Structure formats: C-alpha cells, structure tokens
Amino acid sequence: MKSTSDLTSRRCKPCAPGTPPLSNSEADSLMKQLEGWQRYDHLINRTYRFKNYYETIAFVNAVAWLSHSEDHHPDLAVSYNKCQVEYSTHSIHGLSENDFICAAKVNALFKL
C-alpha cells in the first residue's frame, strides 16, 4: 500500500475517455491513507475548521492554488470558520486516483 506521503508526491493525470471509476476496494484502500476524510459512494469529503474567517479564506485560496496547479478542482462549501472540501471526478462519474492525490495534498496544506 502506498503511504500518504506517496500520494502528496504524485501529480494528477487527466482521465482518458472511457476510464472507469475506481472500484470499491481500490477506493477503500486509498481512503485508509486519508486522515479525516469520509467516503459517500462516488465522492469523498472533509470539513476543516478554523478560528476565524481570515484563516478560512486563506485556506480556500491555498486550495484554489493547489487545484489550479493539479488541474483537478473540488467543490467547496465555505462559511465563517469552516470549509467543506468534496472531490469526485465528474468526467468518469466516480472516484479517480486524482481525488485521493488532491485530498492528501489538501490535508498537507491544513497542517502548515
């Protein structure tokens, strides 16, 4: 099994047309490498909590930068002191390794 640091050192790759989503066992294996994340069928998510709005928005901006650099974008729900991050690969209608790579990188941002 690859470690979380392995996921953070990887880059997202575009899914070729016809790429199937990860199987349940593949997704479950990768979930074990993500602290604090939950899986709901075809998506994974985590809510991050902060002291104030400024910290929340700083985190959102860091996630935006990461998303742009990986060309893989989450859905974000932002409020005063929390941000919910949700990944799913829409082009394949399910989870891809890219979702887990980005989730691991978002966790690393949160720990900075």
N, C-alpha and C. Protein backbone atom coordinates (compact mmCIF):
# COMPACT_ATOMS: atom_id res chain seq x y z
N MET A 1 0.84 -1.18 0.00
CA MET A 1 0.00 0.00 0.00
C MET A 1 0.88 1.24 0.00
N LYS A 2 0.50 2.24 -0.76
CA LYS A 2 1.25 3.48 -0.83
C LYS A 2 0.94 4.32 0.40
N SER A 3 1.93 5.06 0.86
CA SER A 3 1.72 5.91 2.02
C SER A 3 1.12 7.24 1.59
N THR A 4 0.63 8.00 2.57
CA THR A 4 0.07 9.31 2.27
C THR A 4 1.12 10.19 1.64
N SER A 5 2.37 10.12 2.12
CA SER A 5 3.41 10.95 1.53
C SER A 5 3.60 10.58 0.07
N ASP A 6 3.36 9.33 -0.27
CA ASP A 6 3.38 8.92 -1.67
C ASP A 6 2.32 9.67 -2.46
N LEU A 7 1.13 9.78 -1.92
CA LEU A 7 0.05 10.50 -2.61
C LEU A 7 0.41 11.97 -2.79
N THR A 8 1.00 12.58 -1.78
CA THR A 8 1.32 14.00 -1.89
C THR A 8 2.45 14.27 -2.87
N SER A 9 3.25 13.28 -3.18
CA SER A 9 4.34 13.48 -4.13
C SER A 9 3.92 13.18 -5.57
N ARG A 10 2.72 12.71 -5.75
CA ARG A 10 2.22 12.38 -7.09
C ARG A 10 1.52 13.57 -7.71
N ARG A 11 1.36 13.54 -9.02
CA ARG A 11 0.65 14.58 -9.76
C ARG A 11 -0.61 13.98 -10.37
N CYS A 12 -1.63 14.80 -10.49
CA CYS A 12 -2.86 14.36 -11.15
C CYS A 12 -2.63 14.19 -12.64
N LYS A 13 -3.30 13.20 -13.20
CA LYS A 13 -3.23 12.94 -14.64
C LYS A 13 -4.65 12.95 -15.18
N PRO A 14 -4.86 13.56 -16.35
CA PRO A 14 -6.21 13.55 -16.94
C PRO A 14 -6.69 12.12 -17.16
N CYS A 15 -7.95 11.90 -16.92
CA CYS A 15 -8.55 10.59 -17.16
C CYS A 15 -8.86 10.47 -18.65
N ALA A 16 -8.35 9.43 -19.26
CA ALA A 16 -8.62 9.19 -20.68
C ALA A 16 -10.10 8.86 -20.87
N PRO A 17 -10.65 9.19 -22.03
CA PRO A 17 -12.04 8.82 -22.29
C PRO A 17 -12.26 7.32 -22.07
N GLY A 18 -13.34 7.00 -21.41
CA GLY A 18 -13.66 5.60 -21.13
C GLY A 18 -13.01 5.04 -19.89
N THR A 19 -12.23 5.87 -19.17
CA THR A 19 -11.61 5.41 -17.93
C THR A 19 -12.70 5.09 -16.91
N PRO A 20 -12.68 3.90 -16.33
CA PRO A 20 -13.70 3.59 -15.32
C PRO A 20 -13.33 4.21 -13.97
N PRO A 21 -14.32 4.49 -13.14
CA PRO A 21 -14.02 4.95 -11.78
C PRO A 21 -13.32 3.83 -11.01
N LEU A 22 -12.70 4.20 -9.90
CA LEU A 22 -12.06 3.21 -9.05
C LEU A 22 -13.11 2.22 -8.53
N SER A 23 -12.69 1.00 -8.34
CA SER A 23 -13.57 0.01 -7.72
C SER A 23 -13.72 0.34 -6.24
N ASN A 24 -14.71 -0.26 -5.59
CA ASN A 24 -14.89 -0.04 -4.15
C ASN A 24 -13.65 -0.44 -3.37
N SER A 25 -13.01 -1.54 -3.72
CA SER A 25 -11.83 -1.98 -2.97
C SER A 25 -10.65 -1.03 -3.20
N GLU A 26 -10.50 -0.52 -4.42
CA GLU A 26 -9.43 0.46 -4.68
C GLU A 26 -9.67 1.75 -3.90
N ALA A 27 -10.91 2.22 -3.91
CA ALA A 27 -11.24 3.45 -3.18
C ALA A 27 -11.08 3.23 -1.67
N ASP A 28 -11.52 2.10 -1.17
CA ASP A 28 -11.37 1.81 0.26
C ASP A 28 -9.90 1.76 0.67
N SER A 29 -9.06 1.20 -0.17
CA SER A 29 -7.63 1.13 0.12
C SER A 29 -7.01 2.53 0.19
N LEU A 30 -7.38 3.39 -0.74
CA LEU A 30 -6.86 4.75 -0.73
C LEU A 30 -7.43 5.56 0.42
N MET A 31 -8.67 5.30 0.81
CA MET A 31 -9.28 6.01 1.94
C MET A 31 -8.48 5.81 3.22
N LYS A 32 -7.89 4.65 3.38
CA LYS A 32 -7.10 4.36 4.59
C LYS A 32 -5.90 5.29 4.72
N GLN A 33 -5.54 5.94 3.63
CA GLN A 33 -4.39 6.84 3.64
C GLN A 33 -4.76 8.29 3.92
N LEU A 34 -6.07 8.56 4.06
CA LEU A 34 -6.53 9.93 4.24
C LEU A 34 -7.12 10.14 5.62
N GLU A 35 -6.45 10.92 6.41
CA GLU A 35 -6.93 11.23 7.76
C GLU A 35 -8.08 12.22 7.69
N GLY A 36 -9.19 11.87 8.34
CA GLY A 36 -10.30 12.79 8.49
C GLY A 36 -11.30 12.84 7.34
N TRP A 37 -11.07 12.12 6.28
CA TRP A 37 -11.96 12.14 5.12
C TRP A 37 -13.02 11.06 5.24
N GLN A 38 -14.17 11.30 4.61
CA GLN A 38 -15.26 10.33 4.57
C GLN A 38 -15.60 10.05 3.11
N ARG A 39 -16.08 8.85 2.87
CA ARG A 39 -16.47 8.47 1.52
C ARG A 39 -17.97 8.24 1.48
N TYR A 40 -18.61 8.80 0.47
CA TYR A 40 -20.02 8.59 0.21
C TYR A 40 -20.16 8.15 -1.24
N ASP A 41 -20.13 6.86 -1.48
CA ASP A 41 -20.29 6.29 -2.81
C ASP A 41 -19.29 6.86 -3.79
N HIS A 42 -19.68 7.87 -4.58
CA HIS A 42 -18.84 8.38 -5.66
C HIS A 42 -18.10 9.67 -5.30
N LEU A 43 -18.04 10.02 -4.01
CA LEU A 43 -17.31 11.22 -3.62
C LEU A 43 -16.66 11.03 -2.26
N ILE A 44 -15.64 11.88 -2.01
CA ILE A 44 -15.01 11.93 -0.70
C ILE A 44 -15.07 13.37 -0.22
N ASN A 45 -15.18 13.55 1.11
CA ASN A 45 -15.19 14.92 1.63
C ASN A 45 -14.63 15.00 3.03
N ARG A 46 -14.27 16.23 3.39
CA ARG A 46 -13.80 16.53 4.73
C ARG A 46 -14.12 17.97 5.03
N THR A 47 -14.48 18.23 6.29
CA THR A 47 -14.71 19.60 6.74
C THR A 47 -13.54 20.03 7.61
N TYR A 48 -12.95 21.16 7.26
CA TYR A 48 -11.84 21.75 8.02
C TYR A 48 -12.37 22.93 8.81
N ARG A 49 -11.95 23.04 10.07
CA ARG A 49 -12.43 24.11 10.95
C ARG A 49 -11.29 25.06 11.28
N PHE A 50 -11.65 26.36 11.44
CA PHE A 50 -10.67 27.40 11.66
C PHE A 50 -11.11 28.33 12.78
N LYS A 51 -10.19 29.19 13.23
CA LYS A 51 -10.50 30.13 14.31
C LYS A 51 -11.40 31.27 13.84
N ASN A 52 -11.22 31.67 12.58
CA ASN A 52 -11.93 32.87 12.11
C ASN A 52 -12.05 32.85 10.60
N TYR A 53 -12.71 33.87 10.07
CA TYR A 53 -12.96 33.98 8.64
C TYR A 53 -11.66 34.13 7.85
N TYR A 54 -10.75 34.93 8.37
CA TYR A 54 -9.48 35.16 7.67
C TYR A 54 -8.75 33.84 7.43
N GLU A 55 -8.64 33.00 8.45
CA GLU A 55 -7.96 31.71 8.30
C GLU A 55 -8.70 30.82 7.31
N THR A 56 -10.02 30.86 7.35
CA THR A 56 -10.83 30.06 6.42
C THR A 56 -10.54 30.47 4.98
N ILE A 57 -10.55 31.76 4.72
CA ILE A 57 -10.35 32.24 3.35
C ILE A 57 -8.91 32.02 2.90
N ALA A 58 -7.95 32.13 3.79
CA ALA A 58 -6.55 31.83 3.44
C ALA A 58 -6.44 30.37 3.00
N PHE A 59 -7.11 29.48 3.70
CA PHE A 59 -7.13 28.06 3.34
C PHE A 59 -7.80 27.86 1.98
N VAL A 60 -8.94 28.51 1.77
CA VAL A 60 -9.66 28.40 0.50
C VAL A 60 -8.76 28.85 -0.65
N ASN A 61 -8.05 29.95 -0.47
CA ASN A 61 -7.15 30.43 -1.52
C ASN A 61 -6.01 29.44 -1.78
N ALA A 62 -5.50 28.81 -0.73
CA ALA A 62 -4.45 27.80 -0.91
C ALA A 62 -4.99 26.59 -1.67
N VAL A 63 -6.21 26.19 -1.35
CA VAL A 63 -6.84 25.06 -2.06
C VAL A 63 -7.07 25.45 -3.53
N ALA A 64 -7.45 26.68 -3.79
CA ALA A 64 -7.65 27.14 -5.17
C ALA A 64 -6.34 27.07 -5.95
N TRP A 65 -5.25 27.49 -5.33
CA TRP A 65 -3.94 27.44 -5.99
C TRP A 65 -3.56 25.98 -6.28
N LEU A 66 -3.73 25.12 -5.30
CA LEU A 66 -3.43 23.69 -5.47
C LEU A 66 -4.29 23.10 -6.59
N SER A 67 -5.56 23.42 -6.59
CA SER A 67 -6.48 22.89 -7.60
C SER A 67 -6.07 23.32 -9.00
N HIS A 68 -5.66 24.57 -9.13
CA HIS A 68 -5.22 25.07 -10.42
C HIS A 68 -3.95 24.35 -10.87
N SER A 69 -3.00 24.17 -9.94
CA SER A 69 -1.73 23.53 -10.31
C SER A 69 -1.91 22.06 -10.66
N GLU A 70 -2.90 21.39 -10.08
CA GLU A 70 -3.16 19.98 -10.37
C GLU A 70 -4.21 19.81 -11.47
N ASP A 71 -4.88 20.88 -11.84
CA ASP A 71 -5.99 20.85 -12.80
C ASP A 71 -7.05 19.82 -12.39
N HIS A 72 -7.34 19.83 -11.10
CA HIS A 72 -8.37 18.95 -10.54
C HIS A 72 -9.04 19.75 -9.42
N HIS A 73 -10.32 20.01 -9.57
CA HIS A 73 -10.99 21.00 -8.74
C HIS A 73 -12.08 20.39 -7.86
N PRO A 74 -12.06 20.74 -6.57
CA PRO A 74 -13.10 20.23 -5.66
C PRO A 74 -14.31 21.15 -5.65
N ASP A 75 -15.37 20.67 -5.06
CA ASP A 75 -16.49 21.52 -4.69
C ASP A 75 -16.19 22.00 -3.28
N LEU A 76 -16.38 23.28 -3.03
CA LEU A 76 -16.11 23.86 -1.71
C LEU A 76 -17.38 24.48 -1.15
N ALA A 77 -17.62 24.27 0.13
CA ALA A 77 -18.70 24.96 0.85
C ALA A 77 -18.01 25.74 1.96
N VAL A 78 -18.08 27.06 1.88
CA VAL A 78 -17.32 27.93 2.78
C VAL A 78 -18.27 28.71 3.69
N SER A 79 -17.92 28.75 4.98
CA SER A 79 -18.64 29.61 5.91
C SER A 79 -17.61 30.30 6.80
N TYR A 80 -18.06 30.99 7.82
CA TYR A 80 -17.19 31.82 8.65
C TYR A 80 -15.94 31.09 9.14
N ASN A 81 -16.11 29.93 9.74
CA ASN A 81 -14.96 29.26 10.35
C ASN A 81 -14.80 27.80 9.91
N LYS A 82 -15.31 27.47 8.72
CA LYS A 82 -15.12 26.11 8.23
C LYS A 82 -15.22 26.08 6.71
N CYS A 83 -14.63 25.04 6.17
CA CYS A 83 -14.67 24.81 4.73
C CYS A 83 -14.80 23.32 4.48
N GLN A 84 -15.84 22.94 3.77
CA GLN A 84 -16.03 21.55 3.38
C GLN A 84 -15.45 21.38 1.98
N VAL A 85 -14.58 20.39 1.83
CA VAL A 85 -13.93 20.09 0.55
C VAL A 85 -14.46 18.75 0.07
N GLU A 86 -14.92 18.71 -1.17
CA GLU A 86 -15.51 17.49 -1.71
C GLU A 86 -14.90 17.19 -3.08
N TYR A 87 -14.40 15.97 -3.24
CA TYR A 87 -13.82 15.55 -4.51
C TYR A 87 -14.61 14.40 -5.13
N SER A 88 -14.75 14.48 -6.44
CA SER A 88 -15.28 13.43 -7.27
C SER A 88 -14.82 13.77 -8.69
N THR A 89 -14.52 12.78 -9.49
CA THR A 89 -14.09 13.05 -10.85
C THR A 89 -15.31 12.99 -11.76
N HIS A 90 -15.81 14.16 -12.10
CA HIS A 90 -17.07 14.26 -12.84
C HIS A 90 -16.98 13.61 -14.22
N SER A 91 -15.80 13.67 -14.86
CA SER A 91 -15.67 13.13 -16.22
C SER A 91 -15.84 11.62 -16.27
N ILE A 92 -15.62 10.93 -15.13
CA ILE A 92 -15.80 9.47 -15.11
C ILE A 92 -16.96 9.06 -14.20
N HIS A 93 -17.66 10.05 -13.66
CA HIS A 93 -18.83 9.80 -12.80
C HIS A 93 -18.48 8.92 -11.61
N GLY A 94 -17.38 9.24 -10.95
CA GLY A 94 -16.97 8.48 -9.78
C GLY A 94 -15.63 8.97 -9.27
N LEU A 95 -14.98 8.12 -8.50
CA LEU A 95 -13.70 8.47 -7.90
C LEU A 95 -12.54 8.01 -8.77
N SER A 96 -11.52 8.86 -8.84
CA SER A 96 -10.27 8.51 -9.52
C SER A 96 -9.13 8.69 -8.51
N GLU A 97 -7.96 8.23 -8.88
CA GLU A 97 -6.80 8.43 -8.01
C GLU A 97 -6.54 9.92 -7.80
N ASN A 98 -6.88 10.75 -8.78
CA ASN A 98 -6.70 12.19 -8.65
C ASN A 98 -7.40 12.76 -7.43
N ASP A 99 -8.58 12.24 -7.12
CA ASP A 99 -9.33 12.71 -5.96
C ASP A 99 -8.53 12.48 -4.67
N PHE A 100 -7.89 11.35 -4.58
CA PHE A 100 -7.13 10.99 -3.38
C PHE A 100 -5.80 11.74 -3.32
N ILE A 101 -5.18 11.96 -4.47
CA ILE A 101 -3.95 12.75 -4.51
C ILE A 101 -4.24 14.16 -3.99
N CYS A 102 -5.28 14.77 -4.52
CA CYS A 102 -5.62 16.13 -4.10
C CYS A 102 -6.06 16.19 -2.64
N ALA A 103 -6.82 15.21 -2.20
CA ALA A 103 -7.24 15.19 -0.79
C ALA A 103 -6.03 15.11 0.14
N ALA A 104 -5.05 14.30 -0.20
CA ALA A 104 -3.83 14.20 0.61
C ALA A 104 -3.08 15.52 0.60
N LYS A 105 -3.06 16.20 -0.53
CA LYS A 105 -2.37 17.49 -0.62
C LYS A 105 -3.12 18.56 0.16
N VAL A 106 -4.44 18.52 0.17
CA VAL A 106 -5.22 19.47 0.97
C VAL A 106 -4.95 19.22 2.45
N ASN A 107 -4.87 17.96 2.87
CA ASN A 107 -4.53 17.66 4.26
C ASN A 107 -3.17 18.26 4.61
N ALA A 108 -2.21 18.15 3.71
CA ALA A 108 -0.87 18.70 3.95
C ALA A 108 -0.93 20.23 4.08
N LEU A 109 -1.77 20.88 3.27
CA LEU A 109 -1.95 22.34 3.40
C LEU A 109 -2.48 22.70 4.78
N PHE A 110 -3.44 21.92 5.24
CA PHE A 110 -4.08 22.21 6.53
C PHE A 110 -3.08 22.13 7.68
N LYS A 111 -2.08 21.27 7.53
CA LYS A 111 -1.09 21.07 8.60
C LYS A 111 0.00 22.14 8.61
N LEU A 112 0.05 22.98 7.56
CA LEU A 112 1.10 24.03 7.50
C LEU A 112 0.94 25.05 8.59
